[in-house]
Amino acid sequence: MPKTIPEISIETTLLYERLMKMQADEVISYKELSKLCGRNVQKEAYANCATARRKAERSGNFVIKVIPKVGLKRLHSFSEYDSLAQKELKHIRKRSSKAFRDYNTFQGYDDLKQEEKVKVLTTQTLLAFIHTSTGKNKQSKIEQVVQQTNQKLPYTKTLEAFR
């Protein structure tokens, strides 16, 4: 059974309360956060800071970006949000491609039971779909439909846009 933490520590609570008060585009230094909780948030209180950040992002409905060796910044501008999303899409595309290649190196497919073969083929299909659907060509097809509708596309409409 996984170990759960029933309560949030006082250090995490102090950090969370400060993060919830962040203004758009504000940067809070690691030095300030460390002073606030009495421990170094880049070392021994790293987990406290990470938990506070996740909790603040969820309850505050905003994004806090890590600025290495500086501190935390609350994102505000479209370019910051878009840059973050594009970076994540690129990462997802690369990871799905690598996972697909790795999975294709499996040598014992013919010896698998039928349900295991189905799982292999399903996983390969999904990984290939993720890789393909996050490519520039597919993104532009979705963009064309979104320009016409001016709305986020539901799953089925997204699949139609790929045709």
C-alpha atoms as a PDB file:
ATOM      1  CA  MET A   1       0.000   0.000   0.000  1.00  0.00           C
ATOM      2  CA  PRO A   2       1.469   3.400  -0.955  1.00  0.00           C
ATOM      3  CA  LYS A   3       2.487   5.720   1.811  1.00  0.00           C
ATOM      4  CA  THR A   4       0.399   8.892   1.966  1.00  0.00           C
ATOM      5  CA  ILE A   5       1.011  12.091   3.851  1.00  0.00           C
ATOM      6  CA  PRO A   6      -2.182  12.870   5.786  1.00  0.00           C
ATOM      7  CA  GLU A   7      -1.313  16.516   6.461  1.00  0.00           C
ATOM      8  CA  ILE A   8       0.650  19.197   4.714  1.00  0.00           C
ATOM      9  CA  SER A   9       3.658  20.348   6.700  1.00  0.00           C
ATOM     10  CA  ILE A  10       3.893  23.860   8.123  1.00  0.00           C
ATOM     11  CA  GLU A  11       6.745  24.620   5.691  1.00  0.00           C
ATOM     12  CA  THR A  12       4.617  23.606   2.717  1.00  0.00           C
ATOM     13  CA  THR A  13       1.671  25.603   4.063  1.00  0.00           C
ATOM     14  CA  LEU A  14       3.798  28.732   4.479  1.00  0.00           C
ATOM     15  CA  LEU A  15       5.155  28.386   0.955  1.00  0.00           C
ATOM     16  CA  TYR A  16       1.697  27.704  -0.458  1.00  0.00           C
ATOM     17  CA  GLU A  17       0.227  30.781   1.209  1.00  0.00           C
ATOM     18  CA  ARG A  18       2.971  32.970  -0.267  1.00  0.00           C
ATOM     19  CA  LEU A  19       2.572  31.455  -3.750  1.00  0.00           C
ATOM     20  CA  MET A  20      -1.179  32.074  -3.642  1.00  0.00           C
ATOM     21  CA  LYS A  21      -0.438  35.785  -3.149  1.00  0.00           C
ATOM     22  CA  MET A  22       1.760  35.985  -6.254  1.00  0.00           C
ATOM     23  CA  GLN A  23       0.832  38.600  -8.813  1.00  0.00           C
ATOM     24  CA  ALA A  24       0.970  37.979 -12.558  1.00  0.00           C
ATOM     25  CA  ASP A  25       4.591  38.139 -13.817  1.00  0.00           C
ATOM     26  CA  GLU A  26       5.928  38.245 -10.250  1.00  0.00           C
ATOM     27  CA  VAL A  27       9.147  36.383  -9.506  1.00  0.00           C
ATOM     28  CA  ILE A  28       9.768  35.103  -5.987  1.00  0.00           C
ATOM     29  CA  SER A  29      13.397  34.271  -5.321  1.00  0.00           C
ATOM     30  CA  TYR A  30      14.486  30.981  -3.810  1.00  0.00           C
ATOM     31  CA  LYS A  31      16.172  33.084  -1.142  1.00  0.00           C
ATOM     32  CA  GLU A  32      12.834  34.607  -0.093  1.00  0.00           C
ATOM     33  CA  LEU A  33      11.099  31.225  -0.117  1.00  0.00           C
ATOM     34  CA  SER A  34      13.931  29.638   1.887  1.00  0.00           C
ATOM     35  CA  LYS A  35      13.783  32.425   4.456  1.00  0.00           C
ATOM     36  CA  LEU A  36      10.022  32.052   4.699  1.00  0.00           C
ATOM     37  CA  CYS A  37      10.124  28.349   5.582  1.00  0.00           C
ATOM     38  CA  GLY A  38      13.487  28.339   7.375  1.00  0.00           C
ATOM     39  CA  ARG A  39      15.023  25.730   5.059  1.00  0.00           C
ATOM     40  CA  ASN A  40      16.708  25.767   1.656  1.00  0.00           C
ATOM     41  CA  VAL A  41      13.978  25.181  -0.941  1.00  0.00           C
ATOM     42  CA  GLN A  42      16.568  24.138  -3.508  1.00  0.00           C
ATOM     43  CA  LYS A  43      17.876  21.335  -1.318  1.00  0.00           C
ATOM     44  CA  GLU A  44      16.290  19.888   1.808  1.00  0.00           C
ATOM     45  CA  ALA A  45      12.924  21.685   1.365  1.00  0.00           C
ATOM     46  CA  TYR A  46      12.694  21.002  -2.372  1.00  0.00           C
ATOM     47  CA  ALA A  47       9.734  18.640  -1.923  1.00  0.00           C
ATOM     48  CA  ASN A  48       7.917  21.180   0.249  1.00  0.00           C
ATOM     49  CA  CYS A  49       8.324  23.821  -2.446  1.00  0.00           C
ATOM     50  CA  ALA A  50       7.242  21.470  -5.232  1.00  0.00           C
ATOM     51  CA  THR A  51       4.126  20.424  -3.285  1.00  0.00           C
ATOM     52  CA  ALA A  52       3.232  24.035  -2.505  1.00  0.00           C
ATOM     53  CA  ARG A  53       3.687  24.963  -6.149  1.00  0.00           C
ATOM     54  CA  ARG A  54       1.461  22.138  -7.427  1.00  0.00           C
ATOM     55  CA  LYS A  55      -1.203  22.933  -4.853  1.00  0.00           C
ATOM     56  CA  ALA A  56      -1.130  26.658  -5.680  1.00  0.00           C
ATOM     57  CA  GLU A  57      -1.378  25.974  -9.407  1.00  0.00           C
ATOM     58  CA  ARG A  58      -4.400  23.721  -8.895  1.00  0.00           C
ATOM     59  CA  SER A  59      -6.311  25.963  -6.510  1.00  0.00           C
ATOM     60  CA  GLY A  60      -5.233  29.288  -8.009  1.00  0.00           C
ATOM     61  CA  ASN A  61      -5.813  28.252 -11.618  1.00  0.00           C
ATOM     62  CA  PHE A  62      -2.489  29.670 -12.795  1.00  0.00           C
ATOM     63  CA  VAL A  63       0.952  28.397 -13.757  1.00  0.00           C
ATOM     64  CA  ILE A  64       4.148  28.914 -11.796  1.00  0.00           C
ATOM     65  CA  LYS A  65       7.318  28.377 -13.798  1.00  0.00           C
ATOM     66  CA  VAL A  66      10.663  27.403 -12.315  1.00  0.00           C
ATOM     67  CA  ILE A  67      13.461  29.798 -13.216  1.00  0.00           C
ATOM     68  CA  PRO A  68      16.631  27.796 -12.526  1.00  0.00           C
ATOM     69  CA  LYS A  69      18.900  29.276  -9.840  1.00  0.00           C
ATOM     70  CA  VAL A  70      16.544  32.272  -9.444  1.00  0.00           C
ATOM     71  CA  GLY A  71      13.110  31.315  -8.159  1.00  0.00           C
ATOM     72  CA  LEU A  72       9.510  30.895  -9.239  1.00  0.00           C
ATOM     73  CA  LYS A  73       7.522  33.051 -11.647  1.00  0.00           C
ATOM     74  CA  ARG A  74       3.782  33.259 -12.122  1.00  0.00           C
ATOM     75  CA  LEU A  75       3.089  33.201 -15.835  1.00  0.00           C
ATOM     76  CA  HIS A  76       0.846  35.810 -17.352  1.00  0.00           C
ATOM     77  CA  SER A  77       1.423  36.515 -21.046  1.00  0.00           C
ATOM     78  CA  PHE A  78       0.188  34.514 -23.994  1.00  0.00           C
ATOM     79  CA  SER A  79       3.764  34.050 -25.239  1.00  0.00           C
ATOM     80  CA  GLU A  80       4.811  32.439 -21.934  1.00  0.00           C
ATOM     81  CA  TYR A  81       1.856  30.050 -21.904  1.00  0.00           C
ATOM     82  CA  ASP A  82       2.262  29.254 -25.595  1.00  0.00           C
ATOM     83  CA  SER A  83       5.995  28.672 -25.246  1.00  0.00           C
ATOM     84  CA  LEU A  84       5.346  26.258 -22.378  1.00  0.00           C
ATOM     85  CA  ALA A  85       2.657  24.386 -24.328  1.00  0.00           C
ATOM     86  CA  GLN A  86       4.785  24.138 -27.484  1.00  0.00           C
ATOM     87  CA  LYS A  87       7.709  22.836 -25.447  1.00  0.00           C
ATOM     88  CA  GLU A  88       5.464  20.164 -23.899  1.00  0.00           C
ATOM     89  CA  LEU A  89       4.061  19.147 -27.295  1.00  0.00           C
ATOM     90  CA  LYS A  90       7.586  18.745 -28.631  1.00  0.00           C
ATOM     91  CA  HIS A  91       8.520  16.664 -25.572  1.00  0.00           C
ATOM     92  CA  ILE A  92       5.427  14.454 -25.926  1.00  0.00           C
ATOM     93  CA  ARG A  93       6.170  13.921 -29.622  1.00  0.00           C
ATOM     94  CA  LYS A  94       9.784  12.925 -28.935  1.00  0.00           C
ATOM     95  CA  ARG A  95       8.853  10.629 -26.041  1.00  0.00           C
ATOM     96  CA  SER A  96       6.110   8.873 -28.021  1.00  0.00           C
ATOM     97  CA  SER A  97       8.501   8.348 -30.917  1.00  0.00           C
ATOM     98  CA  LYS A  98      11.180   6.875 -28.645  1.00  0.00           C
ATOM     99  CA  ALA A  99       8.669   4.669 -26.825  1.00  0.00           C
ATOM    100  CA  PHE A 100       7.374   3.393 -30.182  1.00  0.00           C
ATOM    101  CA  ARG A 101      10.920   2.581 -31.355  1.00  0.00           C
ATOM    102  CA  ASP A 102      11.746   0.896 -28.045  1.00  0.00           C
ATOM    103  CA  TYR A 103       8.551  -1.165 -28.088  1.00  0.00           C
ATOM    104  CA  ASN A 104       9.287  -2.294 -31.652  1.00  0.00           C
ATOM    105  CA  THR A 105      12.517  -3.923 -30.490  1.00  0.00           C
ATOM    106  CA  PHE A 106      10.521  -6.580 -28.606  1.00  0.00           C
ATOM    107  CA  GLN A 107      11.478  -9.933 -30.151  1.00  0.00           C
ATOM    108  CA  GLY A 108       8.958 -12.434 -28.720  1.00  0.00           C
ATOM    109  CA  TYR A 109       5.725 -11.230 -30.349  1.00  0.00           C
ATOM    110  CA  ASP A 110       4.923 -14.566 -32.007  1.00  0.00           C
ATOM    111  CA  ASP A 111       5.138 -16.353 -28.631  1.00  0.00           C
ATOM    112  CA  LEU A 112       2.621 -14.072 -26.901  1.00  0.00           C
ATOM    113  CA  LYS A 113      -0.930 -14.988 -25.954  1.00  0.00           C
ATOM    114  CA  GLN A 114      -3.654 -13.327 -28.044  1.00  0.00           C
ATOM    115  CA  GLU A 115      -4.559 -10.756 -25.369  1.00  0.00           C
ATOM    116  CA  GLU A 116      -0.880  -9.813 -25.046  1.00  0.00           C
ATOM    117  CA  LYS A 117      -0.607  -9.380 -28.820  1.00  0.00           C
ATOM    118  CA  VAL A 118      -3.651  -7.103 -28.715  1.00  0.00           C
ATOM    119  CA  LYS A 119      -2.004  -5.050 -25.986  1.00  0.00           C
ATOM    120  CA  VAL A 120       1.235  -4.707 -27.987  1.00  0.00           C
ATOM    121  CA  LEU A 121      -0.612  -3.638 -31.137  1.00  0.00           C
ATOM    122  CA  THR A 122      -2.865  -1.234 -29.224  1.00  0.00           C
ATOM    123  CA  THR A 123       0.098   0.390 -27.503  1.00  0.00           C
ATOM    124  CA  GLN A 124       2.035   0.692 -30.762  1.00  0.00           C
ATOM    125  CA  THR A 125      -1.007   2.222 -32.452  1.00  0.00           C
ATOM    126  CA  LEU A 126      -1.503   4.777 -29.693  1.00  0.00           C
ATOM    127  CA  LEU A 127       2.168   5.750 -29.624  1.00  0.00           C
ATOM    128  CA  ALA A 128       2.210   6.149 -33.401  1.00  0.00           C
ATOM    129  CA  PHE A 129      -1.004   8.193 -33.233  1.00  0.00           C
ATOM    130  CA  ILE A 130       0.434  10.534 -30.596  1.00  0.00           C
ATOM    131  CA  HIS A 131       3.588  11.029 -32.632  1.00  0.00           C
ATOM    132  CA  THR A 132       1.707  11.635 -35.879  1.00  0.00           C
ATOM    133  CA  SER A 133      -1.021  13.841 -34.415  1.00  0.00           C
ATOM    134  CA  THR A 134       1.486  16.215 -32.793  1.00  0.00           C
ATOM    135  CA  GLY A 135       3.372  16.873 -36.033  1.00  0.00           C
ATOM    136  CA  LYS A 136       3.326  20.270 -37.773  1.00  0.00           C
ATOM    137  CA  ASN A 137       1.168  18.986 -40.641  1.00  0.00           C
ATOM    138  CA  LYS A 138      -1.562  17.751 -38.306  1.00  0.00           C
ATOM    139  CA  GLN A 139      -1.330  20.891 -36.164  1.00  0.00           C
ATOM    140  CA  SER A 140      -1.938  23.039 -39.235  1.00  0.00           C
ATOM    141  CA  LYS A 141      -4.966  20.940 -40.205  1.00  0.00           C
ATOM    142  CA  ILE A 142      -6.434  21.434 -36.730  1.00  0.00           C
ATOM    143  CA  GLU A 143      -5.598  25.135 -36.894  1.00  0.00           C
ATOM    144  CA  GLN A 144      -7.542  25.511 -40.157  1.00  0.00           C
ATOM    145  CA  VAL A 145     -10.676  24.014 -38.604  1.00  0.00           C
ATOM    146  CA  VAL A 146     -10.272  26.056 -35.419  1.00  0.00           C
ATOM    147  CA  GLN A 147     -10.005  29.247 -37.496  1.00  0.00           C
ATOM    148  CA  GLN A 148     -13.381  28.439 -39.020  1.00  0.00           C
ATOM    149  CA  THR A 149     -15.126  27.468 -35.778  1.00  0.00           C
ATOM    150  CA  ASN A 150     -13.215  29.688 -33.323  1.00  0.00           C
ATOM    151  CA  GLN A 151     -13.618  26.929 -30.697  1.00  0.00           C
ATOM    152  CA  LYS A 152     -11.665  24.075 -29.150  1.00  0.00           C
ATOM    153  CA  LEU A 153     -12.385  20.919 -31.081  1.00  0.00           C
ATOM    154  CA  PRO A 154     -13.928  17.859 -29.469  1.00  0.00           C
ATOM    155  CA  TYR A 155     -12.097  14.581 -30.021  1.00  0.00           C
ATOM    156  CA  THR A 156     -14.249  13.413 -32.950  1.00  0.00           C
ATOM    157  CA  LYS A 157     -13.924  16.750 -34.764  1.00  0.00           C
ATOM    158  CA  THR A 158     -10.157  16.627 -34.243  1.00  0.00           C
ATOM    159  CA  LEU A 159     -10.023  13.209 -35.904  1.00  0.00           C
ATOM    160  CA  GLU A 160     -12.117  14.537 -38.785  1.00  0.00           C
ATOM    161  CA  ALA A 161      -9.658  17.411 -39.229  1.00  0.00           C
ATOM    162  CA  PHE A 162      -6.867  14.902 -39.845  1.00  0.00           C
ATOM    163  CA  ARG A 163      -8.548  13.568 -43.002  1.00  0.00           C
END
